[in-house]
Amino acid sequence: MNTILVFLTVGLMIFSAYPMIESGGITIVILIFVLSGIVALATFIYTGEFKREN
């Protein structure tokens, strides 16, 4: 369930940044992927620790 939530969040980030991607080119694409990767990693770490505590 958490994995699906992460992918939806990443997809939403990319979708909302699409107009910037069209005007900005490949640099913004790389930046979006890096940011979404950090968000996904942070979410996985947080949910993993959260499950361990409970």
C-alpha atoms as a PDB file:
ATOM      1  CA  MET A   1       0.000   0.000   0.000  1.00  0.00           C
ATOM      2  CA  ASN A   2       2.779   2.438   0.918  1.00  0.00           C
ATOM      3  CA  THR A   3       4.662   1.562  -2.276  1.00  0.00           C
ATOM      4  CA  ILE A   4       1.605   2.437  -4.374  1.00  0.00           C
ATOM      5  CA  LEU A   5       1.256   5.710  -2.456  1.00  0.00           C
ATOM      6  CA  VAL A   6       4.891   6.611  -3.182  1.00  0.00           C
ATOM      7  CA  PHE A   7       4.507   5.909  -6.906  1.00  0.00           C
ATOM      8  CA  LEU A   8       1.309   7.988  -7.018  1.00  0.00           C
ATOM      9  CA  THR A   9       3.088  10.875  -5.286  1.00  0.00           C
ATOM     10  CA  VAL A  10       6.049  10.691  -7.674  1.00  0.00           C
ATOM     11  CA  GLY A  11       3.703  10.478 -10.653  1.00  0.00           C
ATOM     12  CA  LEU A  12       1.773  13.491  -9.402  1.00  0.00           C
ATOM     13  CA  MET A  13       5.006  15.477  -8.981  1.00  0.00           C
ATOM     14  CA  ILE A  14       6.103  14.683 -12.544  1.00  0.00           C
ATOM     15  CA  PHE A  15       2.611  15.434 -13.904  1.00  0.00           C
ATOM     16  CA  SER A  16       2.412  18.805 -12.121  1.00  0.00           C
ATOM     17  CA  ALA A  17       5.910  19.715 -13.362  1.00  0.00           C
ATOM     18  CA  TYR A  18       5.114  18.790 -16.988  1.00  0.00           C
ATOM     19  CA  PRO A  19       4.674  22.397 -18.272  1.00  0.00           C
ATOM     20  CA  MET A  20       8.083  23.300 -16.812  1.00  0.00           C
ATOM     21  CA  ILE A  21       9.603  20.217 -18.471  1.00  0.00           C
ATOM     22  CA  GLU A  22       8.250  21.288 -21.877  1.00  0.00           C
ATOM     23  CA  SER A  23       9.722  24.789 -21.587  1.00  0.00           C
ATOM     24  CA  GLY A  24      12.864  23.972 -19.594  1.00  0.00           C
ATOM     25  CA  GLY A  25      14.219  20.848 -21.235  1.00  0.00           C
ATOM     26  CA  ILE A  26      16.293  17.951 -19.916  1.00  0.00           C
ATOM     27  CA  THR A  27      17.873  19.722 -16.908  1.00  0.00           C
ATOM     28  CA  ILE A  28      14.499  20.129 -15.192  1.00  0.00           C
ATOM     29  CA  VAL A  29      13.613  16.512 -16.031  1.00  0.00           C
ATOM     30  CA  ILE A  30      16.762  15.323 -14.226  1.00  0.00           C
ATOM     31  CA  LEU A  31      16.025  17.657 -11.295  1.00  0.00           C
ATOM     32  CA  ILE A  32      12.452  16.326 -10.977  1.00  0.00           C
ATOM     33  CA  PHE A  33      13.664  12.710 -11.027  1.00  0.00           C
ATOM     34  CA  VAL A  34      16.290  13.449  -8.354  1.00  0.00           C
ATOM     35  CA  LEU A  35      13.733  15.203  -6.139  1.00  0.00           C
ATOM     36  CA  SER A  36      11.130  12.464  -6.570  1.00  0.00           C
ATOM     37  CA  GLY A  37      13.795   9.841  -5.850  1.00  0.00           C
ATOM     38  CA  ILE A  38      14.719  11.598  -2.595  1.00  0.00           C
ATOM     39  CA  VAL A  39      11.033  11.832  -1.636  1.00  0.00           C
ATOM     40  CA  ALA A  40      10.501   8.138  -2.404  1.00  0.00           C
ATOM     41  CA  LEU A  41      13.601   7.136  -0.423  1.00  0.00           C
ATOM     42  CA  ALA A  42      12.599   9.288   2.554  1.00  0.00           C
ATOM     43  CA  THR A  43       9.092   7.799   2.462  1.00  0.00           C
ATOM     44  CA  PHE A  44      10.436   4.232   2.395  1.00  0.00           C
ATOM     45  CA  ILE A  45      12.773   4.960   5.331  1.00  0.00           C
ATOM     46  CA  TYR A  46       9.997   6.658   7.304  1.00  0.00           C
ATOM     47  CA  THR A  47       7.416   3.914   6.727  1.00  0.00           C
ATOM     48  CA  GLY A  48      10.017   1.226   7.501  1.00  0.00           C
ATOM     49  CA  GLU A  49      10.929   2.822  10.832  1.00  0.00           C
ATOM     50  CA  PHE A  50       7.271   3.501  11.567  1.00  0.00           C
ATOM     51  CA  LYS A  51       6.397  -0.166  11.067  1.00  0.00           C
ATOM     52  CA  ARG A  52       9.331  -1.266  13.243  1.00  0.00           C
ATOM     53  CA  GLU A  53       8.293   1.001  16.131  1.00  0.00           C
ATOM     54  CA  ASN A  54       4.741  -0.332  16.130  1.00  0.00           C
END
